[in-house]
Amino acid sequence: IKVNGVTDDVLRLYLFPYSLTHHATAWFDCLPRNSINTFEQMAKMFLGKYFPPSMVTKLRNEITNFHQHPDESLFEAWERYKLSID
């Protein structure tokens, strides 16, 4: 999709910094200017920095193996689940 001649890739790359907060903003600000030319490059760098494969595997295992304890209410289990993946 092109809006006024601007490709979707360029638009996403332009808007990406506005989705960041805290440490991610600082990380982005330290990147050399014009060092990233596509959104795919940006996504790979961001995911490599903040979601390395080891973290993804760990989170996937925690989610897959999560279960409600026999003496635990659904609300308590849900709260524990949210804390475990945060």
C-alpha atoms as a PDB file:
ATOM      1  CA  ILE A   1       0.000   0.000   0.000  1.00  0.00           C
ATOM      2  CA  LYS A   2       1.280   3.445  -0.881  1.00  0.00           C
ATOM      3  CA  VAL A   3      -0.033   6.607   0.690  1.00  0.00           C
ATOM      4  CA  ASN A   4       1.075   9.671  -1.267  1.00  0.00           C
ATOM      5  CA  GLY A   5       3.943   7.626  -2.699  1.00  0.00           C
ATOM      6  CA  VAL A   6       5.147   6.409   0.716  1.00  0.00           C
ATOM      7  CA  THR A   7       5.400   2.633   0.990  1.00  0.00           C
ATOM      8  CA  ASP A   8       4.021   0.646   3.898  1.00  0.00           C
ATOM      9  CA  ASP A   9       7.580  -0.354   4.855  1.00  0.00           C
ATOM     10  CA  VAL A  10       8.756   3.263   5.072  1.00  0.00           C
ATOM     11  CA  LEU A  11       5.666   4.253   7.040  1.00  0.00           C
ATOM     12  CA  ARG A  12       6.140   1.434   9.564  1.00  0.00           C
ATOM     13  CA  LEU A  13       9.820   2.302   9.931  1.00  0.00           C
ATOM     14  CA  TYR A  14       8.912   5.947  10.517  1.00  0.00           C
ATOM     15  CA  LEU A  15       6.222   5.136  13.109  1.00  0.00           C
ATOM     16  CA  PHE A  16       8.164   2.433  14.979  1.00  0.00           C
ATOM     17  CA  PRO A  17       9.961   4.782  17.438  1.00  0.00           C
ATOM     18  CA  TYR A  18       6.610   6.108  18.661  1.00  0.00           C
ATOM     19  CA  SER A  19       5.687   2.631  19.910  1.00  0.00           C
ATOM     20  CA  LEU A  20       8.705   2.424  22.225  1.00  0.00           C
ATOM     21  CA  THR A  21       9.011   3.257  25.911  1.00  0.00           C
ATOM     22  CA  HIS A  22      11.772   3.523  28.511  1.00  0.00           C
ATOM     23  CA  HIS A  23      14.824   1.354  27.741  1.00  0.00           C
ATOM     24  CA  ALA A  24      13.690   0.613  24.205  1.00  0.00           C
ATOM     25  CA  THR A  25      13.550   4.333  23.423  1.00  0.00           C
ATOM     26  CA  ALA A  26      17.077   4.781  24.768  1.00  0.00           C
ATOM     27  CA  TRP A  27      18.243   1.787  22.705  1.00  0.00           C
ATOM     28  CA  PHE A  28      16.659   3.230  19.571  1.00  0.00           C
ATOM     29  CA  ASP A  29      18.166   6.675  20.173  1.00  0.00           C
ATOM     30  CA  CYS A  30      21.656   5.119  20.348  1.00  0.00           C
ATOM     31  CA  LEU A  31      21.363   3.479  16.930  1.00  0.00           C
ATOM     32  CA  PRO A  32      23.525   5.172  14.284  1.00  0.00           C
ATOM     33  CA  ARG A  33      21.464   7.416  12.026  1.00  0.00           C
ATOM     34  CA  ASN A  34      20.398   5.769   8.752  1.00  0.00           C
ATOM     35  CA  SER A  35      21.832   2.420   9.857  1.00  0.00           C
ATOM     36  CA  ILE A  36      18.493   0.670   9.304  1.00  0.00           C
ATOM     37  CA  ASN A  37      16.821   0.832   5.916  1.00  0.00           C
ATOM     38  CA  THR A  38      13.842  -1.510   6.200  1.00  0.00           C
ATOM     39  CA  PHE A  39      11.238  -2.374   8.777  1.00  0.00           C
ATOM     40  CA  GLU A  40      12.373  -6.003   8.584  1.00  0.00           C
ATOM     41  CA  GLN A  41      15.884  -4.948   9.663  1.00  0.00           C
ATOM     42  CA  MET A  42      14.404  -2.932  12.528  1.00  0.00           C
ATOM     43  CA  ALA A  43      12.198  -5.794  13.655  1.00  0.00           C
ATOM     44  CA  LYS A  44      15.115  -8.244  13.639  1.00  0.00           C
ATOM     45  CA  MET A  45      17.315  -5.895  15.660  1.00  0.00           C
ATOM     46  CA  PHE A  46      14.554  -5.109  18.151  1.00  0.00           C
ATOM     47  CA  LEU A  47      13.515  -8.734  18.615  1.00  0.00           C
ATOM     48  CA  GLY A  48      17.153  -9.810  18.930  1.00  0.00           C
ATOM     49  CA  LYS A  49      17.696  -7.219  21.655  1.00  0.00           C
ATOM     50  CA  TYR A  50      14.495  -7.635  23.661  1.00  0.00           C
ATOM     51  CA  PHE A  51      13.256 -11.124  22.759  1.00  0.00           C
ATOM     52  CA  PRO A  52      16.251 -13.411  22.182  1.00  0.00           C
ATOM     53  CA  PRO A  53      15.466 -17.043  21.258  1.00  0.00           C
ATOM     54  CA  SER A  54      16.266 -18.255  24.781  1.00  0.00           C
ATOM     55  CA  MET A  55      13.676 -15.899  26.273  1.00  0.00           C
ATOM     56  CA  VAL A  56      11.049 -16.901  23.726  1.00  0.00           C
ATOM     57  CA  THR A  57      11.641 -20.590  24.492  1.00  0.00           C
ATOM     58  CA  LYS A  58      11.424 -19.960  28.245  1.00  0.00           C
ATOM     59  CA  LEU A  59       8.164 -18.010  27.917  1.00  0.00           C
ATOM     60  CA  ARG A  60       6.674 -20.615  25.588  1.00  0.00           C
ATOM     61  CA  ASN A  61       7.489 -23.353  28.112  1.00  0.00           C
ATOM     62  CA  GLU A  62       6.004 -21.360  31.001  1.00  0.00           C
ATOM     63  CA  ILE A  63       2.806 -20.739  29.058  1.00  0.00           C
ATOM     64  CA  THR A  64       2.512 -24.328  27.846  1.00  0.00           C
ATOM     65  CA  ASN A  65       3.148 -25.862  31.269  1.00  0.00           C
ATOM     66  CA  PHE A  66       0.958 -23.481  33.269  1.00  0.00           C
ATOM     67  CA  HIS A  67      -1.889 -25.065  35.217  1.00  0.00           C
ATOM     68  CA  GLN A  68      -4.277 -24.114  37.982  1.00  0.00           C
ATOM     69  CA  HIS A  69      -3.429 -25.595  41.376  1.00  0.00           C
ATOM     70  CA  PRO A  70      -6.167 -27.709  43.035  1.00  0.00           C
ATOM     71  CA  ASP A  71      -6.614 -25.270  45.943  1.00  0.00           C
ATOM     72  CA  GLU A  72      -6.435 -22.150  43.755  1.00  0.00           C
ATOM     73  CA  SER A  73      -9.346 -20.106  42.421  1.00  0.00           C
ATOM     74  CA  LEU A  74      -9.451 -19.208  38.749  1.00  0.00           C
ATOM     75  CA  PHE A  75      -8.774 -15.574  39.663  1.00  0.00           C
ATOM     76  CA  GLU A  76      -5.714 -16.535  41.727  1.00  0.00           C
ATOM     77  CA  ALA A  77      -4.415 -18.736  38.918  1.00  0.00           C
ATOM     78  CA  TRP A  78      -4.941 -15.944  36.410  1.00  0.00           C
ATOM     79  CA  GLU A  79      -3.069 -13.444  38.599  1.00  0.00           C
ATOM     80  CA  ARG A  80      -0.194 -15.910  39.059  1.00  0.00           C
ATOM     81  CA  TYR A  81      -0.124 -16.523  35.307  1.00  0.00           C
ATOM     82  CA  LYS A  82       0.114 -12.807  34.534  1.00  0.00           C
ATOM     83  CA  LEU A  83       2.979 -12.417  37.002  1.00  0.00           C
ATOM     84  CA  SER A  84       4.840 -15.391  35.561  1.00  0.00           C
ATOM     85  CA  ILE A  85       4.923 -13.989  32.025  1.00  0.00           C
ATOM     86  CA  ASP A  86       5.591 -10.374  32.961  1.00  0.00           C
END
